[in-house]
Amino acid sequence: MASDPIGFDDFLKVDIRVGTVTAVEPYPEARKPAYKLTVDFGPQIGTRRTSAQITRHYTPDTLLGRQVAAVVNFPPKQIGKFMSEILVLGFPDADGEVVLIGPERTVPDGGRMY
């Protein structure tokens, strides 16, 4: 079932950018298995951090250097003792596990989705 329709101006309020994962740390304090990610969005935005429950399909080695899509204009959110600054985007697989969204080829970090 689709959500209620929104206007194009509403879509433009969500700032979705591409960035490259530059650091991955375990997050053992999380309620569900997760990683702490550092993502570089280029010189205009810089690096931002988040936690992500993506341990089912990804290891630190497969995440480092990977480009991901993320919402960069949500306010920071406290997740346990960690402050999340972005929301990395993905779709659920058949088991409800996150599959990350990223460009099909390398693009400049910080590029805005349109």
Protein backbone atom coordinates (compact mmCIF):
# COMPACT_ATOMS: atom_id res chain seq x y z
CA MET A 1 0.00 0.00 0.00
CA ALA A 2 1.45 3.36 -1.03
CA SER A 3 1.54 6.37 1.26
CA ASP A 4 -0.59 9.47 0.79
CA PRO A 5 0.54 11.64 -2.14
CA ILE A 6 2.93 14.51 -1.40
CA GLY A 7 3.86 17.55 -3.41
CA PHE A 8 7.21 17.98 -5.13
CA ASP A 9 8.11 20.70 -2.62
CA ASP A 10 7.71 18.12 0.18
CA PHE A 11 10.13 15.79 -1.64
CA LEU A 12 12.68 18.59 -1.96
CA LYS A 13 12.70 19.04 1.83
CA VAL A 14 14.36 15.61 2.23
CA ASP A 15 18.06 16.07 1.49
CA ILE A 16 19.34 12.69 0.26
CA ARG A 17 23.05 12.64 -0.57
CA VAL A 18 25.64 10.08 -1.59
CA GLY A 19 28.69 9.48 0.56
CA THR A 20 31.53 7.00 0.96
CA VAL A 21 31.87 4.87 4.10
CA THR A 22 35.29 5.70 5.57
CA ALA A 23 35.11 3.91 8.93
CA VAL A 24 33.15 1.01 10.42
CA GLU A 25 33.15 0.11 14.11
CA PRO A 26 31.25 -2.58 16.00
CA TYR A 27 28.44 -1.29 18.18
CA PRO A 28 28.13 -3.98 20.87
CA GLU A 29 25.98 -1.74 23.13
CA ALA A 30 23.18 -1.63 20.54
CA ARG A 31 20.00 -3.59 21.29
CA LYS A 32 20.20 -5.28 17.86
CA PRO A 33 23.47 -6.06 16.09
CA ALA A 34 24.74 -2.86 14.44
CA TYR A 35 27.76 -0.96 13.19
CA LYS A 36 28.82 2.63 13.76
CA LEU A 37 29.54 4.15 10.35
CA THR A 38 31.45 7.27 9.37
CA VAL A 39 30.40 8.53 5.93
CA ASP A 40 32.21 11.21 3.89
CA PHE A 41 29.85 13.49 1.96
CA GLY A 42 32.59 15.63 0.40
CA PRO A 43 33.87 19.11 1.27
CA GLN A 44 30.50 20.88 1.39
CA ILE A 45 28.95 18.59 4.04
CA GLY A 46 31.96 16.74 5.48
CA THR A 47 31.81 13.51 7.45
CA ARG A 48 28.81 12.38 9.45
CA ARG A 49 28.23 9.38 11.72
CA THR A 50 25.38 6.96 12.16
CA SER A 51 24.57 3.53 13.48
CA ALA A 52 23.02 0.96 11.19
CA GLN A 53 21.54 -2.50 11.76
CA ILE A 54 23.14 -3.98 8.65
CA THR A 55 25.26 -6.81 10.06
CA ARG A 56 23.31 -9.56 8.29
CA HIS A 57 24.51 -8.72 4.76
CA TYR A 58 27.59 -6.58 5.39
CA THR A 59 30.95 -6.87 7.13
CA PRO A 60 33.27 -3.96 7.88
CA ASP A 61 35.43 -4.96 4.90
CA THR A 62 32.48 -4.89 2.47
CA LEU A 63 31.32 -1.51 3.80
CA LEU A 64 34.62 0.39 3.70
CA GLY A 65 34.80 2.41 0.50
CA ARG A 66 31.18 1.68 -0.43
CA GLN A 67 29.01 4.58 -1.54
CA VAL A 68 25.64 4.81 0.21
CA ALA A 69 22.59 7.07 0.07
CA ALA A 70 21.59 8.88 3.26
CA VAL A 71 19.26 11.58 4.53
CA VAL A 72 21.56 14.33 5.82
CA ASN A 73 19.07 16.91 7.09
CA PHE A 74 17.36 15.08 9.94
CA PRO A 75 18.27 16.47 13.37
CA PRO A 76 20.85 14.37 15.27
CA LYS A 77 19.30 11.50 17.23
CA GLN A 78 20.64 9.94 20.41
CA ILE A 79 20.87 6.15 20.06
CA GLY A 80 22.07 4.82 23.40
CA LYS A 81 25.38 6.55 24.10
CA PHE A 82 25.87 7.30 20.39
CA MET A 83 24.68 10.39 18.47
CA SER A 84 23.43 9.53 14.98
CA GLU A 85 23.70 12.40 12.48
CA ILE A 86 22.31 10.82 9.29
CA LEU A 87 19.96 8.06 8.16
CA VAL A 88 21.56 5.57 5.76
CA LEU A 89 18.91 4.26 3.35
CA GLY A 90 18.05 0.71 2.31
CA PHE A 91 15.27 -1.65 1.35
CA PRO A 92 14.18 -4.81 3.19
CA ASP A 93 15.02 -8.17 1.65
CA ALA A 94 12.57 -11.09 1.82
CA ASP A 95 13.52 -11.62 5.50
CA GLY A 96 13.22 -7.93 6.44
CA GLU A 97 17.01 -7.41 6.57
CA VAL A 98 18.43 -4.13 5.22
CA VAL A 99 19.94 -3.98 1.73
CA LEU A 100 21.70 -0.64 1.29
CA ILE A 101 20.94 1.83 -1.49
CA GLY A 102 23.84 3.25 -3.45
CA PRO A 103 24.67 4.41 -6.96
CA GLU A 104 25.35 1.78 -9.61
CA ARG A 105 28.67 3.49 -10.43
CA THR A 106 30.97 5.85 -8.56
CA VAL A 107 29.72 9.45 -8.33
CA PRO A 108 31.15 12.48 -6.50
CA ASP A 109 30.51 12.39 -2.74
CA GLY A 110 27.91 14.90 -1.63
CA GLY A 111 25.79 14.63 -4.78
CA ARG A 112 22.11 15.23 -4.09
CA MET A 113 19.51 12.73 -5.26
CA TYR A 114 17.01 13.99 -7.82
